[in-house]
Protein backbone atom coordinates (compact mmCIF):
# COMPACT_ATOMS: atom_id res chain seq x y z
CA SER A 1 -176.86 -27.09 -24.46
CA PRO A 2 -180.30 -27.90 -25.98
CA HIS A 3 -181.64 -28.96 -22.60
CA LEU A 4 -183.59 -25.75 -22.05
CA THR A 5 -185.02 -25.72 -18.54
CA TRP A 6 -188.52 -24.43 -18.64
CA SER A 7 -187.87 -21.59 -16.16
CA VAL A 8 -185.61 -19.81 -18.60
CA CYS A 9 -187.75 -20.30 -21.70
CA THR A 10 -188.55 -16.63 -22.26
CA PRO A 11 -191.66 -15.32 -23.99
CA ARG A 12 -191.51 -12.71 -26.66
CA VAL A 13 -194.14 -10.01 -26.24
CA ILE A 14 -193.36 -7.66 -29.13
CA ASN A 15 -195.55 -4.81 -29.98
CA ALA A 16 -196.01 -4.67 -33.77
CA GLU A 17 -194.64 -1.11 -33.79
CA LYS A 18 -197.96 0.09 -35.15
CA SER A 19 -199.52 1.47 -31.97
CA GLU A 20 -198.43 3.73 -29.07
CA PHE A 21 -198.49 1.12 -26.34
CA ASN A 22 -198.76 -2.67 -25.97
CA GLU A 23 -202.01 -4.08 -24.57
CA ASP A 24 -200.59 -7.60 -24.57
CA GLN A 25 -199.01 -8.86 -21.38
CA ALA A 26 -197.39 -12.21 -20.55
CA ALA A 27 -196.23 -14.12 -17.49
CA CYS A 28 -194.37 -17.36 -16.74
CA CYS A 29 -193.21 -18.84 -13.55
CA GLN A 30 -192.95 -22.00 -11.42
CA ILE A 31 -195.86 -22.51 -9.10
CA SER A 32 -195.00 -24.29 -5.74
CA ILE A 33 -197.96 -25.91 -4.10
CA ARG A 34 -197.53 -26.60 -0.45
CA ARG A 35 -198.76 -29.86 0.97
CA ARG A 36 -200.01 -29.34 4.50
CA GLU A 37 -200.08 -32.12 7.05
CA PRO A 38 -203.69 -32.50 8.11
CA GLY A 39 -204.44 -31.09 11.56
CA LEU A 40 -201.48 -28.70 11.67
CA GLU A 41 -202.27 -25.06 12.42
CA GLU A 42 -201.99 -22.52 9.62
CA ASP A 43 -199.80 -20.16 11.69
CA GLU A 44 -197.07 -22.63 12.51
CA GLU A 45 -194.57 -20.72 10.36
CA TRP A 46 -191.55 -22.69 11.29
CA LEU A 47 -193.24 -25.76 9.77
CA ILE A 48 -193.92 -23.93 6.57
CA LEU A 49 -190.29 -22.75 6.36
CA CYS A 50 -189.00 -26.29 7.01
CA SER A 51 -191.49 -28.06 4.89
CA THR A 52 -190.02 -30.00 1.97
CA GLN A 53 -193.36 -31.11 0.73
CA PHE A 54 -194.01 -29.17 -2.41
CA LEU A 55 -195.62 -30.05 -5.68
CA THR A 56 -194.32 -28.03 -8.50
CA GLY A 57 -196.11 -26.75 -11.60
CA HIS A 58 -194.97 -24.64 -14.53
CA TYR A 59 -197.09 -21.74 -15.75
CA TRP A 60 -197.30 -19.59 -18.76
CA ALA A 61 -200.10 -17.08 -19.61
CA LEU A 62 -200.99 -14.43 -22.24
CA PHE A 63 -203.33 -11.49 -21.69
CA ASP A 64 -204.68 -9.46 -24.51
CA GLY A 65 -205.98 -6.09 -23.18
CA HIS A 66 -208.74 -3.96 -24.59
CA GLY A 67 -209.71 -0.42 -23.59
CA GLY A 68 -206.19 -0.10 -22.21
CA PRO A 69 -203.50 -2.35 -20.65
CA ASP A 70 -204.58 -2.08 -17.05
CA ALA A 71 -206.61 -5.33 -16.59
CA ALA A 72 -203.92 -7.33 -18.52
CA ILE A 73 -201.23 -5.95 -16.23
CA ILE A 74 -203.09 -6.87 -13.03
CA ALA A 75 -203.99 -10.33 -14.50
CA SER A 76 -200.35 -10.95 -15.42
CA ASN A 77 -199.28 -10.23 -11.87
CA TYR A 78 -202.02 -12.05 -10.04
CA LEU A 79 -203.65 -14.98 -11.96
CA HIS A 80 -200.77 -17.36 -11.09
CA TYR A 81 -201.20 -16.51 -7.37
CA CYS A 82 -204.95 -17.32 -7.59
CA ILE A 83 -204.05 -20.68 -9.28
CA LYS A 84 -201.54 -21.50 -6.51
CA GLN A 85 -204.13 -20.62 -3.86
CA LYS A 86 -206.84 -22.73 -5.39
CA LEU A 87 -204.58 -25.72 -5.88
CA GLU A 88 -203.42 -25.56 -2.33
CA GLU A 89 -206.99 -25.64 -1.13
CA VAL A 90 -207.58 -29.01 -2.79
CA VAL A 91 -204.01 -30.40 -2.69
CA GLY A 92 -205.09 -33.35 -0.37
CA GLY A 93 -207.46 -34.53 -3.11
CA ILE A 94 -204.91 -34.02 -5.93
CA THR A 95 -202.28 -36.34 -4.35
CA GLU A 96 -204.77 -39.26 -4.28
CA ALA A 97 -205.38 -41.44 -7.38
CA ARG A 98 -209.08 -40.91 -6.63
CA PRO A 99 -210.04 -37.85 -4.66
CA PRO A 100 -211.78 -38.66 -1.35
CA MET A 101 -215.35 -37.41 -0.81
CA HIS A 102 -214.21 -35.52 2.27
CA LEU A 103 -210.85 -33.71 2.18
CA SER A 104 -210.17 -34.89 5.70
CA GLY A 105 -210.22 -38.51 4.32
CA ARG A 106 -213.15 -39.37 6.63
CA CYS A 107 -215.85 -41.62 5.19
CA VAL A 108 -219.23 -40.54 6.57
CA CYS A 109 -221.25 -42.69 4.20
CA ASP A 110 -220.15 -46.14 3.10
CA SER A 111 -221.04 -45.49 -0.49
CA ASP A 112 -218.97 -42.22 -0.86
CA PRO A 113 -216.02 -43.93 -2.66
CA GLN A 114 -218.44 -45.60 -4.99
CA PHE A 115 -220.07 -42.31 -5.88
CA VAL A 116 -216.69 -40.71 -6.67
CA GLU A 117 -215.89 -43.74 -8.85
CA GLU A 118 -219.21 -43.66 -10.60
CA LYS A 119 -218.92 -39.89 -11.28
CA HIS A 120 -215.50 -40.61 -12.80
CA ILE A 121 -213.90 -37.95 -10.56
CA HIS A 122 -210.07 -37.89 -10.85
CA ALA A 123 -207.27 -35.68 -9.61
CA ALA A 124 -207.19 -33.97 -13.06
CA ASP A 125 -210.83 -32.80 -12.36
CA LEU A 126 -209.66 -31.01 -9.23
CA VAL A 127 -207.04 -29.17 -11.18
CA VAL A 128 -209.51 -28.14 -13.85
CA GLY A 129 -211.83 -26.94 -11.06
CA ALA A 130 -209.05 -25.02 -9.44
CA LEU A 131 -208.23 -23.24 -12.69
CA GLU A 132 -211.89 -22.36 -13.19
CA ASN A 133 -212.15 -21.03 -9.64
CA ALA A 134 -208.85 -19.10 -10.05
CA PHE A 135 -210.12 -17.21 -13.10
CA GLN A 136 -213.29 -16.29 -11.22
CA GLU A 137 -211.38 -15.05 -8.27
CA CYS A 138 -208.87 -13.11 -10.42
CA ASP A 139 -211.75 -11.44 -12.13
CA GLU A 140 -213.22 -10.24 -8.85
CA VAL A 141 -209.89 -8.93 -7.69
CA ILE A 142 -209.47 -7.01 -11.04
CA GLY A 143 -212.92 -5.52 -10.47
CA GLN A 144 -212.12 -4.26 -6.99
CA GLU A 145 -208.60 -3.02 -7.90
CA MET A 146 -209.82 -1.15 -10.98
CA GLU A 147 -212.76 0.44 -9.22
CA ALA A 148 -210.41 1.59 -6.42
CA THR A 149 -207.88 3.13 -8.92
CA LYS A 150 -210.54 4.41 -11.40
CA GLN A 151 -209.06 2.30 -14.21
CA THR A 152 -211.13 0.71 -16.95
CA GLY A 153 -210.80 -2.00 -19.55
CA GLY A 154 -210.53 -5.81 -19.67
CA CYS A 155 -208.39 -8.59 -21.14
CA THR A 156 -208.61 -12.07 -22.57
CA ALA A 157 -206.66 -14.72 -20.64
CA LEU A 158 -204.92 -17.85 -21.95
CA ALA A 159 -203.05 -19.86 -19.26
CA ALA A 160 -201.08 -23.09 -19.60
CA LEU A 161 -200.16 -25.17 -16.59
CA TYR A 162 -197.87 -28.22 -16.65
CA PHE A 163 -198.62 -30.22 -13.49
CA GLN A 164 -198.10 -33.84 -12.49
CA GLY A 165 -197.43 -35.03 -16.10
CA LYS A 166 -200.43 -33.28 -17.66
CA LEU A 167 -200.70 -30.03 -19.56
CA TYR A 168 -203.83 -27.93 -18.71
CA VAL A 169 -204.72 -25.04 -21.05
CA ALA A 170 -207.35 -22.65 -19.78
CA ASN A 171 -208.80 -20.12 -22.21
CA ALA A 172 -211.14 -17.16 -21.75
CA GLY A 173 -211.12 -15.14 -24.93
CA ASP A 174 -209.73 -15.28 -28.47
CA SER A 175 -206.07 -16.17 -27.96
CA ARG A 176 -205.10 -19.70 -29.00
CA ALA A 177 -202.84 -22.62 -28.06
CA ILE A 178 -201.91 -25.53 -30.26
CA LEU A 179 -199.52 -28.43 -29.83
CA VAL A 180 -197.23 -28.89 -32.90
CA LEU A 181 -196.18 -32.52 -32.75
CA LYS A 182 -194.11 -34.44 -35.19
CA ASP A 183 -197.00 -35.84 -37.15
CA ASN A 184 -200.06 -33.84 -36.08
CA ILE A 185 -201.43 -30.62 -34.61
CA VAL A 186 -203.50 -30.77 -31.49
CA PRO A 187 -205.73 -27.70 -30.80
CA MET A 188 -205.62 -27.03 -27.01
CA SER A 189 -208.23 -24.16 -27.02
CA SER A 190 -210.99 -22.76 -29.02
CA GLU A 191 -211.97 -19.02 -29.44
CA PHE A 192 -214.76 -17.42 -27.48
CA THR A 193 -216.41 -14.69 -29.54
CA PRO A 194 -219.84 -13.14 -29.62
CA GLU A 195 -220.44 -15.31 -32.71
CA SER A 196 -219.28 -18.61 -31.17
CA GLU A 197 -221.27 -17.89 -27.97
CA ARG A 198 -224.37 -16.49 -29.62
CA GLN A 199 -226.70 -18.97 -27.99
CA ARG A 200 -225.35 -18.51 -24.46
CA ILE A 201 -225.62 -14.70 -24.84
CA GLN A 202 -229.10 -14.80 -26.39
CA HIS A 203 -230.29 -17.22 -23.63
CA LEU A 204 -229.20 -14.78 -20.96
CA ALA A 205 -231.11 -11.92 -22.70
CA PHE A 206 -234.15 -14.33 -22.82
CA LEU A 207 -233.89 -14.95 -19.10
CA PHE A 208 -233.17 -11.37 -18.08
CA PRO A 209 -234.71 -9.05 -20.83
CA LYS A 210 -234.05 -6.05 -18.62
CA LEU A 211 -230.40 -6.40 -19.39
CA LEU A 212 -231.11 -5.09 -22.91
CA ASP A 213 -233.00 -2.01 -21.53
CA GLY A 214 -235.26 -1.91 -24.54
CA GLU A 215 -232.33 -0.88 -26.76
CA PHE A 216 -231.39 -4.22 -28.37
CA THR A 217 -233.15 -7.29 -29.74
CA ARG A 218 -231.90 -10.75 -28.79
CA PHE A 219 -232.74 -12.29 -32.27
CA GLU A 220 -230.12 -12.86 -34.85
CA PHE A 221 -230.87 -11.86 -38.43
CA PRO A 222 -228.54 -12.23 -41.47
CA ARG A 223 -228.35 -8.47 -41.70
CA ARG A 224 -229.52 -5.37 -39.77
CA LEU A 225 -233.24 -4.97 -40.54
CA LYS A 226 -234.71 -1.79 -42.09
CA GLY A 227 -238.19 -0.27 -41.83
CA ASP A 228 -239.23 -1.90 -45.14
CA ASP A 229 -238.68 -5.36 -43.63
CA VAL A 230 -241.65 -4.92 -41.17
CA GLY A 231 -244.36 -7.45 -42.01
CA GLN A 232 -242.04 -9.57 -44.14
CA ARG A 233 -241.03 -13.14 -43.17
CA VAL A 234 -237.28 -13.13 -42.75
CA LEU A 235 -234.58 -15.62 -41.61
CA TYR A 236 -233.77 -15.47 -37.91
CA ARG A 237 -232.31 -17.40 -34.99
CA ASP A 238 -233.16 -17.53 -31.30
CA TYR A 239 -231.16 -18.89 -28.38
CA PHE A 240 -232.43 -22.51 -28.73
CA MET A 241 -231.69 -22.75 -32.47
CA GLU A 242 -228.61 -24.11 -34.22
CA GLY A 243 -230.71 -24.00 -37.43
CA TRP A 244 -232.64 -21.07 -38.97
CA GLY A 245 -236.29 -20.19 -39.15
CA TYR A 246 -238.56 -17.42 -40.60
CA LYS A 247 -240.00 -14.78 -38.45
CA THR A 248 -242.60 -12.11 -39.28
CA VAL A 249 -240.73 -8.82 -38.61
CA GLU A 250 -242.25 -6.54 -36.01
CA LYS A 251 -241.23 -3.01 -35.13
CA ALA A 252 -239.26 -4.27 -32.07
CA ASP A 253 -237.07 -6.36 -34.36
CA LEU A 254 -235.59 -3.16 -35.95
CA LYS A 255 -233.57 -2.56 -32.77
CA TYR A 256 -229.79 -3.25 -32.82
CA PRO A 257 -229.11 -7.02 -32.53
CA LEU A 258 -227.50 -8.23 -29.34
CA VAL A 259 -224.83 -10.08 -31.43
CA HIS A 260 -224.07 -8.46 -34.79
CA GLY A 261 -221.59 -8.84 -37.53
CA HIS A 262 -219.50 -11.63 -38.93
CA GLY A 263 -216.03 -12.97 -38.21
CA LYS A 264 -213.61 -10.38 -36.82
CA GLN A 265 -216.38 -7.76 -37.18
CA ALA A 266 -218.77 -9.63 -34.80
CA ARG A 267 -219.66 -7.46 -31.79
CA LEU A 268 -221.45 -8.05 -28.45
CA LEU A 269 -223.92 -5.16 -27.90
CA GLY A 270 -222.09 -3.30 -30.65
CA THR A 271 -219.17 -2.87 -28.28
CA LEU A 272 -216.84 -5.87 -27.76
CA ALA A 273 -215.28 -8.39 -30.08
CA VAL A 274 -214.80 -10.99 -27.34
CA SER A 275 -217.32 -12.77 -25.15
CA ARG A 276 -215.09 -14.10 -22.37
CA GLY A 277 -212.29 -12.53 -20.37
CA LEU A 278 -211.36 -10.72 -17.23
CA GLY A 279 -212.23 -7.13 -16.16
CA ASP A 280 -214.65 -4.85 -18.05
CA HIS A 281 -216.67 -4.35 -14.84
CA GLN A 282 -217.32 -0.60 -15.63
CA LEU A 283 -217.94 -1.12 -19.39
CA LYS A 284 -221.16 0.33 -20.67
CA VAL A 285 -222.58 0.46 -24.19
CA ILE A 286 -221.87 3.97 -25.46
CA ASP A 287 -224.52 6.56 -24.68
CA THR A 288 -226.61 4.11 -22.64
CA ASN A 289 -226.80 2.61 -19.14
CA ILE A 290 -226.43 -0.97 -20.45
CA GLU A 291 -223.69 -2.98 -18.80
CA VAL A 292 -221.71 -5.32 -20.90
CA LYS A 293 -220.32 -7.38 -18.00
CA PRO A 294 -223.37 -9.61 -17.42
CA PHE A 295 -222.84 -11.06 -20.87
CA LEU A 296 -219.13 -11.56 -20.55
CA SER A 297 -217.93 -14.76 -18.85
CA CYS A 298 -214.69 -14.85 -17.03
CA ILE A 299 -214.78 -18.71 -16.80
CA PRO A 300 -212.25 -20.52 -18.98
CA LYS A 301 -212.69 -23.74 -20.97
CA VAL A 302 -209.92 -26.09 -19.79
CA ASN A 303 -208.43 -28.76 -22.13
CA VAL A 304 -206.06 -31.41 -20.73
CA PHE A 305 -203.27 -33.26 -22.47
CA ASP A 306 -201.80 -36.27 -20.71
CA PHE A 307 -198.19 -36.73 -21.64
CA ALA A 308 -198.21 -40.36 -20.44
CA LEU A 309 -200.47 -41.26 -23.43
CA HIS A 310 -198.21 -39.70 -26.06
CA ASP A 311 -194.65 -40.33 -27.33
CA ILE A 312 -193.18 -36.76 -27.37
CA LYS A 313 -190.47 -36.14 -29.85
CA GLU A 314 -187.49 -33.73 -29.73
CA ASP A 315 -189.05 -30.80 -31.68
CA ASP A 316 -192.59 -31.05 -30.28
CA VAL A 317 -193.76 -27.75 -28.89
CA LEU A 318 -196.70 -25.84 -27.42
CA ILE A 319 -197.50 -22.59 -29.21
CA MET A 320 -199.46 -20.00 -27.39
CA ALA A 321 -200.27 -16.68 -29.06
CA THR A 322 -202.66 -13.74 -28.95
CA ASP A 323 -205.12 -13.20 -31.84
CA GLY A 324 -202.56 -10.88 -33.58
CA LEU A 325 -200.89 -14.09 -34.82
CA TRP A 326 -203.97 -16.21 -35.67
CA ASP A 327 -205.71 -13.41 -37.55
CA VAL A 328 -203.19 -13.80 -40.36
CA LEU A 329 -201.73 -17.29 -39.96
CA CYS A 330 -203.73 -20.54 -39.60
CA ASN A 331 -202.76 -23.55 -37.52
CA ASN A 332 -201.25 -25.33 -40.51
CA GLU A 333 -199.18 -22.29 -41.54
CA VAL A 334 -197.78 -21.93 -37.99
CA ALA A 335 -196.98 -25.59 -37.79
CA HIS A 336 -195.20 -25.37 -41.10
CA VAL A 337 -193.00 -22.43 -39.91
CA VAL A 338 -192.37 -24.29 -36.61
CA ARG A 339 -191.27 -27.54 -38.22
CA SER A 340 -189.07 -26.02 -40.88
CA PHE A 341 -187.48 -23.49 -38.51
CA LEU A 342 -186.58 -26.12 -35.89
CA ALA A 343 -185.24 -28.56 -38.56
CA GLU A 344 -182.91 -25.80 -39.84
CA ASN A 345 -181.73 -24.61 -36.44
CA ARG A 346 -180.86 -27.96 -34.70
CA THR A 347 -177.90 -26.63 -32.59
CA ASP A 348 -178.96 -23.08 -31.52
CA PRO A 349 -179.48 -23.10 -27.69
CA GLN A 350 -181.86 -20.15 -28.17
CA ARG A 351 -183.84 -21.67 -31.02
CA PHE A 352 -187.28 -21.71 -29.30
CA SER A 353 -187.01 -17.98 -28.40
CA GLU A 354 -185.81 -17.28 -31.96
CA LEU A 355 -188.76 -19.28 -33.36
CA ALA A 356 -191.11 -17.10 -31.27
CA LYS A 357 -189.52 -14.01 -32.78
CA CYS A 358 -189.75 -15.51 -36.26
CA LEU A 359 -193.56 -16.16 -35.88
CA VAL A 360 -194.07 -12.60 -34.62
CA CYS A 361 -192.09 -11.16 -37.59
CA ARG A 362 -194.08 -13.40 -40.03
CA ALA A 363 -197.46 -12.01 -38.79
CA ARG A 364 -196.19 -8.46 -38.52
CA GLY A 365 -195.16 -8.42 -42.11
CA LYS A 366 -193.04 -5.76 -43.82
CA LYS A 367 -193.80 -2.13 -44.42
CA ARG A 368 -194.61 -1.16 -47.98
CA GLY A 369 -195.35 2.49 -48.34
CA HIS A 370 -198.01 3.17 -45.68
CA GLN A 371 -199.20 -0.46 -45.38
CA TRP A 372 -197.78 -3.59 -43.59
CA MET A 373 -197.88 -6.60 -45.92
CA LEU A 374 -197.29 -10.29 -45.59
CA ASP A 375 -194.97 -12.11 -48.03
CA ASP A 376 -198.08 -13.25 -50.02
CA SER A 377 -199.17 -9.57 -50.40
CA HIS A 378 -202.07 -9.91 -48.00
CA GLU A 379 -202.39 -7.33 -45.29
CA ALA A 380 -200.35 -8.07 -42.13
CA SER A 381 -201.73 -8.03 -38.58
CA TYR A 382 -202.24 -4.57 -37.12
CA ASP A 383 -202.74 -5.99 -33.65
CA ASP A 384 -200.27 -6.62 -30.85
CA ILE A 385 -198.65 -10.00 -31.36
CA SER A 386 -197.40 -12.16 -28.51
CA VAL A 387 -196.01 -15.71 -28.83
CA PHE A 388 -194.76 -18.38 -26.45
CA VAL A 389 -192.82 -21.35 -27.91
CA ILE A 390 -192.63 -24.07 -25.16
CA PRO A 391 -190.51 -27.15 -25.85
CA LEU A 392 -192.05 -30.37 -24.56
CA HIS A 393 -189.43 -32.96 -24.99
CA ASN A 394 -187.01 -32.33 -22.12
CA ARG A 395 -189.64 -31.69 -19.51
CA GLU A 396 -188.07 -31.67 -16.06
CA LYS A 397 -189.10 -34.84 -14.36
CA ASP A 398 -191.74 -34.27 -11.72
């Protein structure tokens, strides 16, 4: 039957067969959030066993490892547990239309409800906060775990949570999620790269110059400066600038730029191509004592899509994929593949899984001689490629 329940909608994490091992990891599960009666002791286990009061969420996540798969594996096993934990901590506020100032429901100050109202705080804000806290907690756990086992590396994280009629997409890194609807495409995340986060990264170096250890300059220049540039007035940007200015080049400006390169070649401290993610606690710039972690953020940006405000049609889907897909296919191309594939495969009960495979194969290309090529004779993706296709129409009712 076409009524795919979400719990069996399997991901496809397929290594592009171009590397030894797969650094991409995926996870999907139901998350049950327990509602505790206020005033009951934590350790009354019989109550927990008998409790029928659960809120259920559905969770999918992709993790793109770098420097090895270790951080991605820990994150895929643990992030959903952190999310469950953080949601349970605030569940009393989530079940109210407007969260109370005090979780106990007490009102210490008469104007408390008014402040909550004026600040426009809703249940959805508590879910967003729980996701942000969960990423932070998961990052700490990865740091401890990897230090204990002498593992290294990090990963990007893209997580989707369907909870109480809303879809929450939390992103830390350069994976991407889009909704492909009948008549439009809704981006549910944006990429965090050294280039897109240049100002945040430069500002940190401005506040804590010691982090650069005299090896890097925080200024951005259109190209790496050479000795002959000293004394010249050249284009530059500092942390507070969206626009460009001119700066007289000093000797210190010849150091390697904190953020350097363009597009896929952009690097943070000449080392990492992403600026947010989990792990990388041990990562240092090669041949220096400079830590990369202070410039990396583990905090996701969370976007919310409220199903109550949209008329969801039969073939509307959420596409989540690691950068292996988006490096070679744009949103419009992916949407075109999605719509035409689903239109041609109306009756196949496995059509969403097959579509995920189809997208992976498109990005992977075909081998011609020693090269992997796309149909339009551009180079194919050499990265790991992972794709979730999640149907939105027959959502199980809350």
